[in-house]
């Protein structure tokens, strides 16, 4: 499926989610999940990169600026790492480092999403 088809279907799904389940779920789906994943794909795929402005325009058509700002404030937040969840301290350290890397990557993606969606 081409990037244009992907985001147009996701936006249509978000509109349906908004009607059926409310704005919070729709924006969490579209911005917190799909748009951020799209930005991740755009890091290595020019076809995705080229579609970002059109995707952003459609997202802005669906949601208000303040809704986008609120969604990005909580996007990709995870629970605090708990080493007590692991029996082996070495395994806990490996997992902590993996989660730290993933969290840093997610933070960068959320900030990139913020730049795209909230710049005037």
N, C-alpha and C. Protein backbone atom coordinates (compact mmCIF):
# COMPACT_ATOMS: atom_id res chain seq x y z
N UNK A 1 0.84 -1.17 0.00
CA UNK A 1 0.00 0.00 0.00
C UNK A 1 0.89 1.25 0.00
N UNK A 2 0.51 2.24 -0.77
CA UNK A 2 1.29 3.47 -0.87
C UNK A 2 1.03 4.36 0.35
N UNK A 3 2.02 5.17 0.72
CA UNK A 3 1.86 6.04 1.90
C UNK A 3 0.59 6.90 1.85
N UNK A 4 0.25 7.42 0.69
CA UNK A 4 -0.96 8.25 0.57
C UNK A 4 -2.21 7.44 0.95
N UNK A 5 -2.28 6.22 0.50
CA UNK A 5 -3.42 5.36 0.82
C UNK A 5 -3.45 5.04 2.32
N UNK A 6 -2.28 4.84 2.88
CA UNK A 6 -2.20 4.51 4.31
C UNK A 6 -2.79 5.64 5.14
N UNK A 7 -2.29 6.86 4.95
CA UNK A 7 -2.75 7.93 5.83
C UNK A 7 -4.19 8.34 5.54
N UNK A 8 -4.64 8.23 4.29
CA UNK A 8 -6.04 8.59 4.03
C UNK A 8 -6.98 7.60 4.70
N UNK A 9 -6.63 6.32 4.67
CA UNK A 9 -7.45 5.32 5.37
C UNK A 9 -7.41 5.53 6.88
N UNK A 10 -6.25 5.88 7.41
CA UNK A 10 -6.14 6.12 8.85
C UNK A 10 -6.96 7.34 9.27
N UNK A 11 -6.97 8.37 8.45
CA UNK A 11 -7.76 9.56 8.76
C UNK A 11 -9.25 9.25 8.71
N UNK A 12 -9.66 8.46 7.74
CA UNK A 12 -11.06 8.05 7.66
C UNK A 12 -11.45 7.22 8.88
N UNK A 13 -10.55 6.33 9.29
CA UNK A 13 -10.81 5.53 10.49
C UNK A 13 -10.91 6.42 11.72
N UNK A 14 -10.05 7.42 11.82
CA UNK A 14 -10.08 8.34 12.97
C UNK A 14 -11.39 9.10 13.02
N UNK A 15 -11.89 9.52 11.86
CA UNK A 15 -13.19 10.21 11.84
C UNK A 15 -14.30 9.29 12.34
N UNK A 16 -14.26 8.03 11.94
CA UNK A 16 -15.26 7.07 12.41
C UNK A 16 -15.12 6.81 13.90
N UNK A 17 -13.90 6.68 14.37
CA UNK A 17 -13.65 6.49 15.80
C UNK A 17 -14.17 7.69 16.59
N UNK A 18 -13.96 8.89 16.06
CA UNK A 18 -14.41 10.10 16.74
C UNK A 18 -15.93 10.10 16.91
N UNK A 19 -16.63 9.69 15.89
CA UNK A 19 -18.10 9.64 15.95
C UNK A 19 -18.55 8.56 16.94
N UNK A 20 -17.93 7.40 16.86
CA UNK A 20 -18.36 6.25 17.65
C UNK A 20 -17.88 6.28 19.10
N UNK A 21 -16.63 6.72 19.31
CA UNK A 21 -16.02 6.59 20.64
C UNK A 21 -15.51 7.89 21.24
N UNK A 22 -15.52 8.98 20.47
CA UNK A 22 -15.10 10.27 21.00
C UNK A 22 -13.74 10.72 20.50
N UNK A 23 -13.49 12.00 20.72
CA UNK A 23 -12.28 12.64 20.22
C UNK A 23 -11.02 12.09 20.88
N UNK A 24 -11.05 11.81 22.17
CA UNK A 24 -9.85 11.32 22.85
C UNK A 24 -9.32 10.04 22.21
N UNK A 25 -10.21 9.11 21.95
CA UNK A 25 -9.77 7.85 21.33
C UNK A 25 -9.31 8.06 19.89
N UNK A 26 -10.01 8.92 19.18
CA UNK A 26 -9.66 9.18 17.78
C UNK A 26 -8.29 9.84 17.67
N UNK A 27 -8.03 10.80 18.51
CA UNK A 27 -6.75 11.51 18.44
C UNK A 27 -5.62 10.62 18.95
N UNK A 28 -5.89 9.80 19.93
CA UNK A 28 -4.89 8.86 20.41
C UNK A 28 -4.51 7.89 19.30
N UNK A 29 -5.51 7.40 18.59
CA UNK A 29 -5.27 6.49 17.47
C UNK A 29 -4.48 7.17 16.36
N UNK A 30 -4.97 8.33 15.90
CA UNK A 30 -4.38 8.95 14.72
C UNK A 30 -3.06 9.64 15.00
N UNK A 31 -3.00 10.42 16.07
CA UNK A 31 -1.79 11.19 16.35
C UNK A 31 -0.81 10.38 17.19
N UNK A 32 -1.29 9.83 18.30
CA UNK A 32 -0.41 9.12 19.22
C UNK A 32 0.14 7.82 18.68
N UNK A 33 -0.55 7.26 17.72
CA UNK A 33 -0.11 5.98 17.17
C UNK A 33 0.28 6.11 15.69
N UNK A 34 -0.69 6.37 14.84
CA UNK A 34 -0.46 6.29 13.39
C UNK A 34 0.47 7.38 12.85
N UNK A 35 0.26 8.64 13.25
CA UNK A 35 1.11 9.70 12.72
C UNK A 35 2.56 9.55 13.20
N UNK A 36 2.72 9.20 14.45
CA UNK A 36 4.08 9.02 14.96
C UNK A 36 4.76 7.83 14.28
N UNK A 37 4.03 6.76 14.03
CA UNK A 37 4.60 5.64 13.28
C UNK A 37 4.95 6.05 11.85
N UNK A 38 4.12 6.91 11.26
CA UNK A 38 4.36 7.42 9.92
C UNK A 38 5.66 8.22 9.89
N UNK A 39 5.86 9.06 10.91
CA UNK A 39 7.10 9.82 11.00
C UNK A 39 8.30 8.90 11.15
N UNK A 40 8.13 7.84 11.90
CA UNK A 40 9.21 6.87 12.06
C UNK A 40 9.56 6.25 10.71
N UNK A 41 8.57 5.86 9.94
CA UNK A 41 8.81 5.29 8.61
C UNK A 41 9.45 6.33 7.68
N UNK A 42 9.07 7.59 7.84
CA UNK A 42 9.59 8.66 6.99
C UNK A 42 11.08 8.90 7.20
N UNK A 43 11.62 8.44 8.32
CA UNK A 43 13.04 8.61 8.57
C UNK A 43 13.88 7.87 7.53
N UNK A 44 13.35 6.79 6.99
CA UNK A 44 14.13 5.98 6.05
C UNK A 44 13.45 5.81 4.69
N UNK A 45 12.27 6.40 4.52
CA UNK A 45 11.53 6.20 3.26
C UNK A 45 11.06 7.54 2.71
N UNK A 46 11.59 7.92 1.58
CA UNK A 46 11.26 9.21 0.98
C UNK A 46 9.79 9.33 0.60
N UNK A 47 9.17 8.24 0.20
CA UNK A 47 7.75 8.28 -0.17
C UNK A 47 6.90 8.69 1.04
N UNK A 48 7.25 8.22 2.21
CA UNK A 48 6.54 8.63 3.43
C UNK A 48 6.84 10.10 3.74
N UNK A 49 8.10 10.48 3.62
CA UNK A 49 8.49 11.88 3.89
C UNK A 49 7.70 12.84 3.02
N UNK A 50 7.53 12.49 1.76
CA UNK A 50 6.83 13.37 0.83
C UNK A 50 5.36 13.56 1.19
N UNK A 51 4.78 12.62 1.90
CA UNK A 51 3.36 12.67 2.24
C UNK A 51 3.07 13.38 3.57
N UNK A 52 4.10 13.69 4.33
CA UNK A 52 3.88 14.29 5.66
C UNK A 52 3.06 15.58 5.59
N UNK A 53 3.37 16.54 4.72
CA UNK A 53 2.57 17.78 4.71
C UNK A 53 1.07 17.55 4.45
N UNK A 54 0.75 16.64 3.55
CA UNK A 54 -0.67 16.37 3.28
C UNK A 54 -1.33 15.67 4.47
N UNK A 55 -0.62 14.75 5.09
CA UNK A 55 -1.13 14.06 6.27
C UNK A 55 -1.38 15.07 7.39
N UNK A 56 -0.44 15.96 7.60
CA UNK A 56 -0.58 17.00 8.63
C UNK A 56 -1.81 17.86 8.35
N UNK A 57 -2.00 18.26 7.10
CA UNK A 57 -3.16 19.10 6.75
C UNK A 57 -4.46 18.39 7.08
N UNK A 58 -4.52 17.10 6.82
CA UNK A 58 -5.75 16.35 7.11
C UNK A 58 -5.96 16.20 8.62
N UNK A 59 -4.90 15.95 9.35
CA UNK A 59 -5.02 15.85 10.81
C UNK A 59 -5.53 17.18 11.38
N UNK A 60 -4.97 18.28 10.89
CA UNK A 60 -5.41 19.60 11.36
C UNK A 60 -6.85 19.89 10.98
N UNK A 61 -7.34 19.27 9.92
CA UNK A 61 -8.73 19.43 9.53
C UNK A 61 -9.67 18.67 10.47
N UNK A 62 -9.18 17.58 11.02
CA UNK A 62 -9.99 16.74 11.90
C UNK A 62 -10.02 17.27 13.32
N UNK A 63 -8.87 17.73 13.82
CA UNK A 63 -8.74 18.12 15.22
C UNK A 63 -8.34 19.59 15.37
N UNK A 64 -8.73 20.15 16.50
CA UNK A 64 -8.35 21.52 16.84
C UNK A 64 -6.91 21.54 17.35
N UNK A 65 -6.28 22.68 17.23
CA UNK A 65 -4.88 22.85 17.66
C UNK A 65 -4.70 22.49 19.14
N UNK A 66 -5.62 22.92 19.99
CA UNK A 66 -5.49 22.64 21.41
C UNK A 66 -5.63 21.14 21.70
N UNK A 67 -6.44 20.44 20.90
CA UNK A 67 -6.58 19.00 21.07
C UNK A 67 -5.28 18.29 20.69
N UNK A 68 -4.66 18.76 19.62
CA UNK A 68 -3.40 18.18 19.20
C UNK A 68 -2.32 18.41 20.25
N UNK A 69 -2.27 19.61 20.81
CA UNK A 69 -1.28 19.92 21.84
C UNK A 69 -1.47 19.01 23.06
N UNK A 70 -2.71 18.83 23.47
CA UNK A 70 -2.99 17.98 24.64
C UNK A 70 -2.63 16.53 24.36
N UNK A 71 -2.92 16.06 23.16
CA UNK A 71 -2.59 14.67 22.81
C UNK A 71 -1.09 14.45 22.77
N UNK A 72 -0.36 15.41 22.27
CA UNK A 72 1.09 15.26 22.19
C UNK A 72 1.76 15.34 23.56
N UNK A 73 1.10 15.99 24.51
CA UNK A 73 1.64 16.05 25.86
C UNK A 73 1.69 14.67 26.53
N UNK A 74 0.83 13.76 26.09
CA UNK A 74 0.79 12.43 26.71
C UNK A 74 1.15 11.30 25.75
N UNK A 75 1.45 11.63 24.50
CA UNK A 75 1.76 10.60 23.50
C UNK A 75 2.99 9.80 23.89
N UNK A 76 2.87 8.51 23.73
CA UNK A 76 3.98 7.56 23.92
C UNK A 76 4.53 7.52 25.34
N UNK A 77 3.77 7.99 26.30
CA UNK A 77 4.23 7.87 27.68
C UNK A 77 4.14 6.41 28.10
N UNK A 78 5.11 5.99 28.86
CA UNK A 78 5.13 4.61 29.34
C UNK A 78 5.25 4.59 30.85
N UNK A 79 4.97 3.45 31.42
CA UNK A 79 5.12 3.31 32.86
C UNK A 79 6.60 3.28 33.22
N UNK A 80 6.88 3.68 34.40
CA UNK A 80 8.26 3.70 34.89
C UNK A 80 8.82 2.28 34.93
N UNK A 81 10.07 2.15 34.54
CA UNK A 81 10.74 0.85 34.55
C UNK A 81 10.90 0.36 35.98
N UNK A 82 10.59 -0.90 36.20
CA UNK A 82 10.71 -1.47 37.53
C UNK A 82 11.61 -2.71 37.48
N UNK A 83 12.85 -2.59 37.96
CA UNK A 83 13.75 -3.75 37.91
C UNK A 83 13.26 -4.91 38.78
N UNK A 84 12.37 -4.65 39.70
CA UNK A 84 11.84 -5.73 40.55
C UNK A 84 10.98 -6.70 39.75
N UNK A 85 10.61 -6.33 38.53
CA UNK A 85 9.82 -7.21 37.67
C UNK A 85 10.67 -8.35 37.10
N UNK A 86 11.97 -8.32 37.33
CA UNK A 86 12.88 -9.31 36.77
C UNK A 86 13.57 -10.08 37.88
N UNK A 87 13.74 -11.39 37.65
CA UNK A 87 14.43 -12.23 38.62
C UNK A 87 15.94 -12.08 38.52
N UNK A 88 16.42 -11.84 37.33
CA UNK A 88 17.86 -11.75 37.07
C UNK A 88 18.27 -10.28 36.92
N UNK A 89 19.17 -9.78 37.77
CA UNK A 89 19.60 -8.38 37.67
C UNK A 89 20.24 -8.04 36.33
N UNK A 90 20.95 -8.99 35.72
CA UNK A 90 21.55 -8.73 34.41
C UNK A 90 20.47 -8.56 33.34
N UNK A 91 19.47 -9.38 33.40
CA UNK A 91 18.35 -9.26 32.46
C UNK A 91 17.63 -7.93 32.67
N UNK A 92 17.46 -7.55 33.93
CA UNK A 92 16.81 -6.27 34.24
C UNK A 92 17.60 -5.12 33.64
N UNK A 93 18.92 -5.18 33.72
CA UNK A 93 19.75 -4.10 33.18
C UNK A 93 19.66 -4.04 31.66
N UNK A 94 19.64 -5.19 31.03
CA UNK A 94 19.49 -5.23 29.57
C UNK A 94 18.15 -4.63 29.16
N UNK A 95 17.12 -5.04 29.83
CA UNK A 95 15.77 -4.52 29.52
C UNK A 95 15.67 -3.02 29.80
N UNK A 96 16.31 -2.57 30.89
CA UNK A 96 16.29 -1.14 31.21
C UNK A 96 16.93 -0.34 30.08
N UNK A 97 18.04 -0.82 29.59
CA UNK A 97 18.73 -0.11 28.51
C UNK A 97 17.90 -0.12 27.22
N UNK A 98 17.28 -1.24 26.93
CA UNK A 98 16.42 -1.31 25.73
C UNK A 98 15.24 -0.35 25.85
N UNK A 99 14.63 -0.32 27.01
CA UNK A 99 13.50 0.59 27.22
C UNK A 99 13.94 2.05 27.17
N UNK A 100 15.12 2.33 27.69
CA UNK A 100 15.65 3.69 27.64
C UNK A 100 15.86 4.14 26.20
N UNK A 101 16.43 3.27 25.38
CA UNK A 101 16.62 3.60 23.96
C UNK A 101 15.29 3.82 23.26
N UNK A 102 14.34 2.93 23.51
CA UNK A 102 13.02 3.05 22.88
C UNK A 102 12.33 4.33 23.33
N UNK A 103 12.44 4.66 24.60
CA UNK A 103 11.82 5.88 25.11
C UNK A 103 12.45 7.13 24.50
N UNK A 104 13.76 7.12 24.34
CA UNK A 104 14.44 8.26 23.73
C UNK A 104 14.00 8.42 22.28
N UNK A 105 13.89 7.32 21.56
CA UNK A 105 13.44 7.36 20.17
C UNK A 105 12.00 7.89 20.09
N UNK A 106 11.14 7.39 20.98
CA UNK A 106 9.75 7.86 21.01
C UNK A 106 9.67 9.35 21.32
N UNK A 107 10.49 9.80 22.26
CA UNK A 107 10.50 11.22 22.61
C UNK A 107 10.86 12.08 21.40
N UNK A 108 11.86 11.66 20.66
CA UNK A 108 12.25 12.40 19.46
C UNK A 108 11.12 12.41 18.42
N UNK A 109 10.44 11.29 18.26
CA UNK A 109 9.32 11.24 17.31
C UNK A 109 8.18 12.14 17.76
N UNK A 110 7.88 12.15 19.04
CA UNK A 110 6.81 13.02 19.55
C UNK A 110 7.17 14.48 19.35
N UNK A 111 8.42 14.82 19.57
CA UNK A 111 8.84 16.21 19.35
C UNK A 111 8.76 16.58 17.88
N UNK A 112 9.09 15.66 17.01
CA UNK A 112 8.96 15.91 15.58
C UNK A 112 7.48 16.08 15.21
N UNK A 113 6.63 15.26 15.79
CA UNK A 113 5.19 15.40 15.56
C UNK A 113 4.69 16.75 16.05
N UNK A 114 5.18 17.17 17.20
CA UNK A 114 4.81 18.48 17.75
C UNK A 114 5.20 19.59 16.78
N UNK A 115 6.41 19.52 16.22
CA UNK A 115 6.84 20.53 15.26
C UNK A 115 5.94 20.57 14.04
N UNK A 116 5.58 19.41 13.52
CA UNK A 116 4.73 19.36 12.34
C UNK A 116 3.31 19.84 12.61
N UNK A 117 2.74 19.36 13.71
CA UNK A 117 1.31 19.60 13.95
C UNK A 117 1.01 20.93 14.63
N UNK A 118 1.95 21.46 15.36
CA UNK A 118 1.65 22.66 16.13
C UNK A 118 2.29 23.94 15.58
N UNK A 119 3.17 23.80 14.59
CA UNK A 119 3.73 25.04 14.04
C UNK A 119 2.67 25.73 13.21
N UNK A 120 2.69 27.02 13.26
CA UNK A 120 1.62 27.81 12.61
C UNK A 120 1.98 28.17 11.20
